C-alpha atoms as a PDB file:
ATOM      1  CA  UNK A   1     125.113  88.679 107.304  1.00  0.00           C
ATOM      2  CA  UNK A   2     125.779  89.668 110.440  1.00  0.00           C
ATOM      3  CA  UNK A   3     123.200  89.113 112.944  1.00  0.00           C
ATOM      4  CA  UNK A   4     121.813  90.982 115.498  1.00  0.00           C
ATOM      5  CA  UNK A   5     120.254  90.170 118.695  1.00  0.00           C
ATOM      6  CA  UNK A   6     117.666  87.009 118.434  1.00  0.00           C
ATOM      7  CA  UNK A   7     115.193  89.534 116.452  1.00  0.00           C
ATOM      8  CA  UNK A   8     115.515  90.658 112.919  1.00  0.00           C
ATOM      9  CA  UNK A   9     118.805  89.723 110.980  1.00  0.00           C
ATOM     10  CA  UNK A  10     120.550  92.864 109.538  1.00  0.00           C
ATOM     11  CA  UNK A  11     121.277  92.264 106.007  1.00  0.00           C
ATOM     12  CA  UNK A  12     123.921  95.408 105.413  1.00  0.00           C
ATOM     13  CA  UNK A  13     123.479  99.416 105.364  1.00  0.00           C
ATOM     14  CA  UNK A  14     122.143 101.233 102.116  1.00  0.00           C
ATOM     15  CA  UNK A  15     120.461 104.290 101.080  1.00  0.00           C
ATOM     16  CA  UNK A  16     118.142 104.580  99.223  1.00  0.00           C
ATOM     17  CA  UNK A  17     116.918 108.650  97.559  1.00  0.00           C
ATOM     18  CA  UNK A  18     114.601 110.974 100.328  1.00  0.00           C
ATOM     19  CA  UNK A  19     112.967 114.243  98.630  1.00  0.00           C
ATOM     20  CA  UNK A  20     113.870 117.308 101.546  1.00  0.00           C
ATOM     21  CA  UNK A  21     112.001 120.286 101.406  1.00  0.00           C
ATOM     22  CA  UNK A  22     113.290 122.040  98.820  1.00  0.00           C
ATOM     23  CA  UNK A  23     112.261 119.233  95.962  1.00  0.00           C
ATOM     24  CA  UNK A  24     116.031 117.813  95.378  1.00  0.00           C
ATOM     25  CA  UNK A  25     116.466 114.415  96.786  1.00  0.00           C
ATOM     26  CA  UNK A  26     119.560 113.137  99.347  1.00  0.00           C
ATOM     27  CA  UNK A  27     121.215 109.638  99.720  1.00  0.00           C
ATOM     28  CA  UNK A  28     119.256 108.856 103.089  1.00  0.00           C
ATOM     29  CA  UNK A  29     120.967 105.398 105.513  1.00  0.00           C
ATOM     30  CA  UNK A  30     118.341 102.384 105.382  1.00  0.00           C
ATOM     31  CA  UNK A  31     118.898  99.177 106.632  1.00  0.00           C
ATOM     32  CA  UNK A  32     118.186  96.287 104.738  1.00  0.00           C
ATOM     33  CA  UNK A  33     116.608  93.612 107.468  1.00  0.00           C
ATOM     34  CA  UNK A  34     115.793  89.795 107.359  1.00  0.00           C
ATOM     35  CA  UNK A  35     112.339  89.292 109.140  1.00  0.00           C
ATOM     36  CA  UNK A  36     112.735  87.077 111.848  1.00  0.00           C
ATOM     37  CA  UNK A  37     109.221  84.437 111.906  1.00  0.00           C
ATOM     38  CA  UNK A  38     110.272  83.318 115.447  1.00  0.00           C
ATOM     39  CA  UNK A  39     110.362  86.819 116.787  1.00  0.00           C
ATOM     40  CA  UNK A  40     107.278  88.059 118.151  1.00  0.00           C
ATOM     41  CA  UNK A  41     108.592  92.136 118.447  1.00  0.00           C
ATOM     42  CA  UNK A  42     109.082  91.095 114.256  1.00  0.00           C
ATOM     43  CA  UNK A  43     105.953  89.601 113.491  1.00  0.00           C
ATOM     44  CA  UNK A  44     104.001  91.928 114.939  1.00  0.00           C
ATOM     45  CA  UNK A  45     105.571  95.027 113.617  1.00  0.00           C
ATOM     46  CA  UNK A  46     104.930  93.426 109.759  1.00  0.00           C
ATOM     47  CA  UNK A  47     100.928  92.394 111.032  1.00  0.00           C
ATOM     48  CA  UNK A  48     100.845  96.841 112.241  1.00  0.00           C
ATOM     49  CA  UNK A  49     101.936  97.451 108.546  1.00  0.00           C
ATOM     50  CA  UNK A  50      98.709  97.115 106.665  1.00  0.00           C
ATOM     51  CA  UNK A  51      97.384  99.745 108.676  1.00  0.00           C
ATOM     52  CA  UNK A  52      99.048 101.582 109.035  1.00  0.00           C
ATOM     53  CA  UNK A  53      99.737 101.855 105.042  1.00  0.00           C
ATOM     54  CA  UNK A  54      96.114 102.351 104.272  1.00  0.00           C
ATOM     55  CA  UNK A  55      96.195  99.294 102.131  1.00  0.00           C
ATOM     56  CA  UNK A  56      95.700  95.342 102.428  1.00  0.00           C
ATOM     57  CA  UNK A  57      97.075  94.133  99.256  1.00  0.00           C
ATOM     58  CA  UNK A  58     100.816  91.887  99.133  1.00  0.00           C
ATOM     59  CA  UNK A  59     101.593  93.154 102.695  1.00  0.00           C
ATOM     60  CA  UNK A  60      98.914  91.711 104.190  1.00  0.00           C
ATOM     61  CA  UNK A  61      99.724  89.014 102.174  1.00  0.00           C
ATOM     62  CA  UNK A  62     102.753  88.346 103.957  1.00  0.00           C
ATOM     63  CA  UNK A  63     102.174  89.595 107.112  1.00  0.00           C
ATOM     64  CA  UNK A  64      99.452  86.048 107.159  1.00  0.00           C
ATOM     65  CA  UNK A  65     101.909  84.235 106.087  1.00  0.00           C
ATOM     66  CA  UNK A  66     103.923  85.345 108.974  1.00  0.00           C
ATOM     67  CA  UNK A  67     102.263  84.998 111.372  1.00  0.00           C
ATOM     68  CA  UNK A  68     100.928  81.143 110.326  1.00  0.00           C
ATOM     69  CA  UNK A  69     104.480  80.257 109.953  1.00  0.00           C
ATOM     70  CA  UNK A  70     104.393  81.175 113.632  1.00  0.00           C
ATOM     71  CA  UNK A  71     101.602  80.998 115.557  1.00  0.00           C
ATOM     72  CA  UNK A  72     102.349  77.237 113.819  1.00  0.00           C
ATOM     73  CA  UNK A  73     106.468  76.985 114.706  1.00  0.00           C
ATOM     74  CA  UNK A  74     106.761  75.816 111.113  1.00  0.00           C
ATOM     75  CA  UNK A  75     109.733  77.008 110.859  1.00  0.00           C
ATOM     76  CA  UNK A  76     111.203  75.322 108.531  1.00  0.00           C
ATOM     77  CA  UNK A  77     109.097  76.574 105.677  1.00  0.00           C
ATOM     78  CA  UNK A  78     110.207  77.835 102.986  1.00  0.00           C
ATOM     79  CA  UNK A  79     109.069  81.439 102.958  1.00  0.00           C
ATOM     80  CA  UNK A  80     111.625  84.585 103.647  1.00  0.00           C
ATOM     81  CA  UNK A  81     110.604  88.131 104.652  1.00  0.00           C
ATOM     82  CA  UNK A  82     113.078  90.603 103.676  1.00  0.00           C
ATOM     83  CA  UNK A  83     112.426  94.601 104.726  1.00  0.00           C
ATOM     84  CA  UNK A  84     113.902  98.088 103.693  1.00  0.00           C
ATOM     85  CA  UNK A  85     113.506 100.087 107.420  1.00  0.00           C
ATOM     86  CA  UNK A  86     115.184 103.763 107.787  1.00  0.00           C
ATOM     87  CA  UNK A  87     116.525 102.341 111.344  1.00  0.00           C
ATOM     88  CA  UNK A  88     119.885 101.693 110.734  1.00  0.00           C
ATOM     89  CA  UNK A  89     120.567 100.620 114.696  1.00  0.00           C
ATOM     90  CA  UNK A  90     118.471  98.791 117.646  1.00  0.00           C
ATOM     91  CA  UNK A  91     117.416  95.976 115.454  1.00  0.00           C
ATOM     92  CA  UNK A  92     116.012  94.320 118.371  1.00  0.00           C
ATOM     93  CA  UNK A  93     112.406  95.832 118.195  1.00  0.00           C
ATOM     94  CA  UNK A  94     112.083  96.231 114.511  1.00  0.00           C
ATOM     95  CA  UNK A  95     109.648  99.718 114.540  1.00  0.00           C
ATOM     96  CA  UNK A  96     106.591  99.368 111.794  1.00  0.00           C
ATOM     97  CA  UNK A  97     106.480 102.765 111.141  1.00  0.00           C
ATOM     98  CA  UNK A  98     110.296 102.983 109.811  1.00  0.00           C
ATOM     99  CA  UNK A  99     109.533 100.042 107.347  1.00  0.00           C
ATOM    100  CA  UNK A 100     109.432 101.989 103.979  1.00  0.00           C
ATOM    101  CA  UNK A 101     109.097  98.182 102.083  1.00  0.00           C
ATOM    102  CA  UNK A 102     108.753  94.573 102.634  1.00  0.00           C
ATOM    103  CA  UNK A 103     109.306  91.294 100.007  1.00  0.00           C
ATOM    104  CA  UNK A 104     108.747  87.742 100.520  1.00  0.00           C
ATOM    105  CA  UNK A 105     110.042  84.926  98.878  1.00  0.00           C
ATOM    106  CA  UNK A 106     109.890  81.044  98.165  1.00  0.00           C
ATOM    107  CA  UNK A 107     113.183  79.240  98.402  1.00  0.00           C
ATOM    108  CA  UNK A 108     112.024  76.070  98.442  1.00  0.00           C
ATOM    109  CA  UNK A 109     114.069  75.317  94.580  1.00  0.00           C
ATOM    110  CA  UNK A 110     116.658  74.310  94.620  1.00  0.00           C
ATOM    111  CA  UNK A 111     117.463  76.898  91.393  1.00  0.00           C
ATOM    112  CA  UNK A 112     114.977  79.904  91.478  1.00  0.00           C
ATOM    113  CA  UNK A 113     113.452  81.589  94.386  1.00  0.00           C
ATOM    114  CA  UNK A 114     109.850  82.633  93.619  1.00  0.00           C
ATOM    115  CA  UNK A 115     109.082  86.288  93.709  1.00  0.00           C
ATOM    116  CA  UNK A 116     105.726  86.703  96.823  1.00  0.00           C
ATOM    117  CA  UNK A 117     104.799  89.491  97.193  1.00  0.00           C
ATOM    118  CA  UNK A 118     107.042  92.776  97.005  1.00  0.00           C
ATOM    119  CA  UNK A 119     105.306  96.195  98.404  1.00  0.00           C
ATOM    120  CA  UNK A 120     106.187  99.874  99.034  1.00  0.00           C
ATOM    121  CA  UNK A 121     104.585 101.387 101.640  1.00  0.00           C
ATOM    122  CA  UNK A 122     102.358 104.244  99.162  1.00  0.00           C
ATOM    123  CA  UNK A 123     102.376 106.999 102.225  1.00  0.00           C
ATOM    124  CA  UNK A 124     106.505 106.866 101.155  1.00  0.00           C
ATOM    125  CA  UNK A 125     106.158 106.536  96.870  1.00  0.00           C
ATOM    126  CA  UNK A 126     103.198 108.748  96.869  1.00  0.00           C
ATOM    127  CA  UNK A 127     103.751 111.550  94.759  1.00  0.00           C
ATOM    128  CA  UNK A 128     103.108 114.553  96.859  1.00  0.00           C
ATOM    129  CA  UNK A 129     101.346 117.115  94.409  1.00  0.00           C
ATOM    130  CA  UNK A 130     101.615 119.994  96.850  1.00  0.00           C
ATOM    131  CA  UNK A 131     105.707 120.676  97.469  1.00  0.00           C
ATOM    132  CA  UNK A 132     105.378 120.164  93.612  1.00  0.00           C
ATOM    133  CA  UNK A 133     105.793 116.628  93.173  1.00  0.00           C
ATOM    134  CA  UNK A 134     107.622 113.825  93.495  1.00  0.00           C
ATOM    135  CA  UNK A 135     107.581 110.442  96.216  1.00  0.00           C
ATOM    136  CA  UNK A 136     109.512 110.757  98.874  1.00  0.00           C
ATOM    137  CA  UNK A 137     111.616 107.865  98.533  1.00  0.00           C
ATOM    138  CA  UNK A 138     112.993 105.944  95.600  1.00  0.00           C
ATOM    139  CA  UNK A 139     115.113 103.326  95.246  1.00  0.00           C
ATOM    140  CA  UNK A 140     113.772 101.579  97.733  1.00  0.00           C
ATOM    141  CA  UNK A 141     112.064  98.235  95.725  1.00  0.00           C
ATOM    142  CA  UNK A 142     114.880  98.132  93.486  1.00  0.00           C
ATOM    143  CA  UNK A 143     117.178  98.020  96.738  1.00  0.00           C
ATOM    144  CA  UNK A 144     114.736  94.830  97.446  1.00  0.00           C
ATOM    145  CA  UNK A 145     115.768  93.213  94.556  1.00  0.00           C
ATOM    146  CA  UNK A 146     118.900  93.792  94.523  1.00  0.00           C
ATOM    147  CA  UNK A 147     119.572  92.731  98.475  1.00  0.00           C
ATOM    148  CA  UNK A 148     117.815  89.742  97.116  1.00  0.00           C
ATOM    149  CA  UNK A 149     119.984  89.231  94.238  1.00  0.00           C
ATOM    150  CA  UNK A 150     123.201  89.508  96.339  1.00  0.00           C
ATOM    151  CA  UNK A 151     121.730  86.571  99.120  1.00  0.00           C
ATOM    152  CA  UNK A 152     121.056  84.829  95.840  1.00  0.00           C
ATOM    153  CA  UNK A 153     123.858  84.936  93.818  1.00  0.00           C
ATOM    154  CA  UNK A 154     123.678  81.252  91.535  1.00  0.00           C
ATOM    155  CA  UNK A 155     119.839  81.679  92.051  1.00  0.00           C
ATOM    156  CA  UNK A 156     117.275  82.937  89.759  1.00  0.00           C
ATOM    157  CA  UNK A 157     114.582  85.160  90.628  1.00  0.00           C
ATOM    158  CA  UNK A 158     111.373  84.831  88.915  1.00  0.00           C
ATOM    159  CA  UNK A 159     108.673  87.275  89.705  1.00  0.00           C
ATOM    160  CA  UNK A 160     104.203  86.597  88.749  1.00  0.00           C
ATOM    161  CA  UNK A 161     104.273  90.419  87.914  1.00  0.00           C
ATOM    162  CA  UNK A 162     101.423  92.489  88.372  1.00  0.00           C
ATOM    163  CA  UNK A 163     100.984  93.835  84.805  1.00  0.00           C
ATOM    164  CA  UNK A 164     102.122  98.172  86.428  1.00  0.00           C
ATOM    165  CA  UNK A 165     105.400  96.072  87.949  1.00  0.00           C
ATOM    166  CA  UNK A 166     106.167  95.079  85.129  1.00  0.00           C
ATOM    167  CA  UNK A 167     108.453  98.147  83.974  1.00  0.00           C
ATOM    168  CA  UNK A 168     109.990  97.676  87.295  1.00  0.00           C
ATOM    169  CA  UNK A 169     111.376  94.343  86.946  1.00  0.00           C
ATOM    170  CA  UNK A 170     112.475  95.138  83.397  1.00  0.00           C
ATOM    171  CA  UNK A 171     114.621  97.747  84.950  1.00  0.00           C
ATOM    172  CA  UNK A 172     115.630  95.386  87.574  1.00  0.00           C
ATOM    173  CA  UNK A 173     116.811  93.079  84.489  1.00  0.00           C
ATOM    174  CA  UNK A 174     114.507  90.990  85.167  1.00  0.00           C
ATOM    175  CA  UNK A 175     113.206  89.429  81.196  1.00  0.00           C
ATOM    176  CA  UNK A 176     110.136  87.988  80.363  1.00  0.00           C
ATOM    177  CA  UNK A 177     110.182  84.650  80.479  1.00  0.00           C
ATOM    178  CA  UNK A 178     106.918  83.644  78.509  1.00  0.00           C
ATOM    179  CA  UNK A 179     105.021  86.101  75.321  1.00  0.00           C
ATOM    180  CA  UNK A 180     105.039  89.901  76.131  1.00  0.00           C
ATOM    181  CA  UNK A 181     101.605  89.974  77.326  1.00  0.00           C
ATOM    182  CA  UNK A 182     102.285  86.986  79.993  1.00  0.00           C
ATOM    183  CA  UNK A 183     103.503  89.324  82.904  1.00  0.00           C
ATOM    184  CA  UNK A 184     105.609  86.278  83.733  1.00  0.00           C
ATOM    185  CA  UNK A 185     109.749  87.551  84.711  1.00  0.00           C
ATOM    186  CA  UNK A 186     112.634  86.231  85.516  1.00  0.00           C
ATOM    187  CA  UNK A 187     116.215  87.828  86.967  1.00  0.00           C
ATOM    188  CA  UNK A 188     119.267  85.440  85.283  1.00  0.00           C
ATOM    189  CA  UNK A 189     121.978  86.722  87.045  1.00  0.00           C
END
């Protein structure tokens, strides 16, 4: 992990797939960053996401949790937040319009991280029927998951998945840990 300034911590450069005008997907350079709960600019960028994304569910919870930590100064909380952004520089000011996905972990356990929330910008994950279909970006969620696996190689990752996301987690090497009708999945490593 390479810290940049006292703002978002740059984790790594990576690429996702972005749909071009002709419908083909090409590599798009992105960055994975750790959101700094002590930094007002980071908190502000994440707090804008629910309105920008037009969807107030997981991203709202991530934003609320970060604001609580910032407001009350509880920086020892075991909550860590990460983002994939199309920004590849200037991390001293995280641009909310460039954030493609966010993830929040509870890291209090020595053996298992609880994946609390994961949300991809629904505007970038939508199918665009008017231009032949296909999501604008691919692999943003998988990049976030892979980054967490790399950052915490000795810890399992547990998630209580939404029913519609079970296959996503299975495709990212999570296994169901309870009966099939349950959405509890774990990455064992």
